[in-house]
Protein backbone atom coordinates (compact mmCIF):
# COMPACT_ATOMS: atom_id res chain seq x y z
CA MET A 1 0.01 -0.01 -0.03
CA VAL A 2 1.29 3.45 -0.96
CA ASN A 3 1.58 6.01 1.76
CA ILE A 4 0.63 9.39 0.40
CA LYS A 5 2.44 11.20 3.25
CA ASN A 6 5.70 9.49 2.23
CA ILE A 7 5.23 10.42 -1.40
CA ALA A 8 4.51 14.06 -0.50
CA ILE A 9 7.65 14.19 1.67
CA GLY A 10 9.65 12.64 -1.17
CA ILE A 11 8.43 15.09 -3.76
CA THR A 12 9.01 18.03 -1.42
CA SER A 13 12.54 16.83 -0.76
CA ILE A 14 13.23 16.55 -4.48
CA ILE A 15 11.92 20.04 -5.16
CA ILE A 16 13.91 21.58 -2.25
CA GLY A 17 17.07 19.69 -3.13
CA GLY A 18 16.74 20.64 -6.80
CA GLY A 19 16.29 24.26 -5.77
CA LEU A 20 19.31 24.23 -3.57
CA ILE A 21 21.46 22.64 -6.39
CA PHE A 22 20.15 25.29 -8.78
CA LEU A 23 21.04 28.15 -6.34
CA ALA A 24 24.45 26.69 -5.66
CA SER A 25 25.23 26.45 -9.34
CA LYS A 26 24.47 30.18 -9.94
CA ASP A 27 26.67 33.06 -8.96
CA ILE A 28 23.93 34.87 -7.08
CA LYS A 29 25.21 37.67 -4.89
CA PRO A 30 23.34 40.69 -3.52
CA ASP A 31 25.62 42.95 -5.51
CA ASN A 32 24.72 41.15 -8.74
CA LEU A 33 21.01 41.43 -8.01
CA LYS A 34 21.43 45.20 -7.23
CA ASP A 35 23.37 45.73 -10.42
CA ASN A 36 20.80 43.90 -12.51
CA SER A 37 17.95 45.87 -10.93
CA ILE A 38 19.67 49.14 -11.71
CA GLN A 39 20.35 48.12 -15.27
CA ASP A 40 16.71 47.01 -15.68
CA ALA A 41 15.47 50.41 -14.38
CA GLU A 42 17.79 52.25 -16.71
CA LEU A 43 16.63 50.26 -19.68
CA ILE A 44 13.03 51.08 -18.79
CA ILE A 45 13.85 54.77 -18.77
CA ILE A 46 15.86 54.58 -22.03
CA ASN A 47 13.14 52.65 -23.86
CA TYR A 48 10.50 55.08 -22.65
CA PHE A 49 12.56 57.99 -23.92
CA LYS A 50 13.21 56.17 -27.19
CA LYS A 51 9.45 55.84 -27.77
CA LEU A 52 8.95 59.58 -27.15
CA ILE A 53 11.86 60.45 -29.53
CA LYS A 54 10.44 58.13 -32.19
CA LYS A 55 7.04 59.88 -31.94
CA ASN A 56 8.65 63.32 -32.00
CA PRO A 57 12.32 63.49 -33.15
CA THR A 58 12.56 67.14 -32.08
CA ILE A 59 11.42 66.53 -28.50
CA THR A 60 13.55 68.33 -25.91
CA LEU A 61 15.07 66.92 -22.74
CA ASP A 62 12.72 69.05 -20.69
CA GLU A 63 9.70 67.65 -22.48
CA VAL A 64 10.89 64.09 -22.10
CA ILE A 65 11.49 64.57 -18.37
CA LEU A 66 8.07 66.16 -17.85
CA ASP A 67 6.39 63.34 -19.75
CA PHE A 68 8.28 60.64 -17.89
CA GLU A 69 7.47 62.28 -14.56
CA ASP A 70 3.82 62.55 -15.65
CA ALA A 71 3.89 66.24 -14.78
CA SER A 72 0.84 68.39 -15.05
CA ILE A 73 3.08 71.39 -15.45
CA ASN A 74 4.61 72.28 -18.84
CA ASN A 75 7.76 73.97 -17.53
CA LEU A 76 10.60 71.93 -16.01
CA SER A 77 11.80 74.72 -13.77
CA ASP A 78 8.34 75.17 -12.28
CA PHE A 79 7.88 71.41 -11.92
CA ALA A 80 11.22 71.07 -10.19
CA GLU A 81 10.48 73.85 -7.84
CA LYS A 82 7.11 72.22 -6.96
CA LYS A 83 8.95 68.96 -6.20
CA GLY A 84 11.71 70.74 -4.13
CA ARG A 85 14.38 70.10 -6.72
CA THR A 86 16.11 72.17 -9.41
CA LYS A 87 16.04 71.81 -13.15
CA GLU A 88 19.78 70.89 -13.05
CA GLN A 89 19.09 68.02 -10.68
CA TYR A 90 16.57 66.59 -13.20
CA TYR A 91 19.16 67.06 -16.03
CA LYS A 92 21.77 65.24 -13.95
CA SER A 93 19.40 62.36 -13.40
CA TYR A 94 17.99 62.00 -16.90
CA LYS A 95 20.37 63.49 -19.47
CA LYS A 96 22.49 60.29 -19.85
CA PHE A 97 19.37 58.25 -20.52
CA PHE A 98 18.15 60.84 -23.08
CA GLU A 99 21.49 60.78 -24.92
CA LYS A 100 21.55 56.95 -24.94
CA ALA A 101 17.91 56.87 -26.26
CA ILE A 102 18.98 59.29 -29.14
CA MET A 103 21.87 57.00 -30.09
CA ILE A 104 19.82 53.83 -30.28
């Protein structure tokens, strides 16, 4: 007679064991996960900018930032002031992504 409890324990052991072997075979470190997350976020921004540039090749950095930030204000300086930042801080954050989106 087959004991279902023993089968369940066996299957669970196989799954856990397989998972541990998989994790041991990968080079998973917190720094790698952090780097991948940052790269993923940057690609999201670049691809978003790329779509805006494709729609409007003459779009400015200010317009791209305001669109990405979903701003209801049409002036980056005014928007930055409302958010407690400066226009230059937004440029520092987004200019490199805008330039990469143009190059692609």
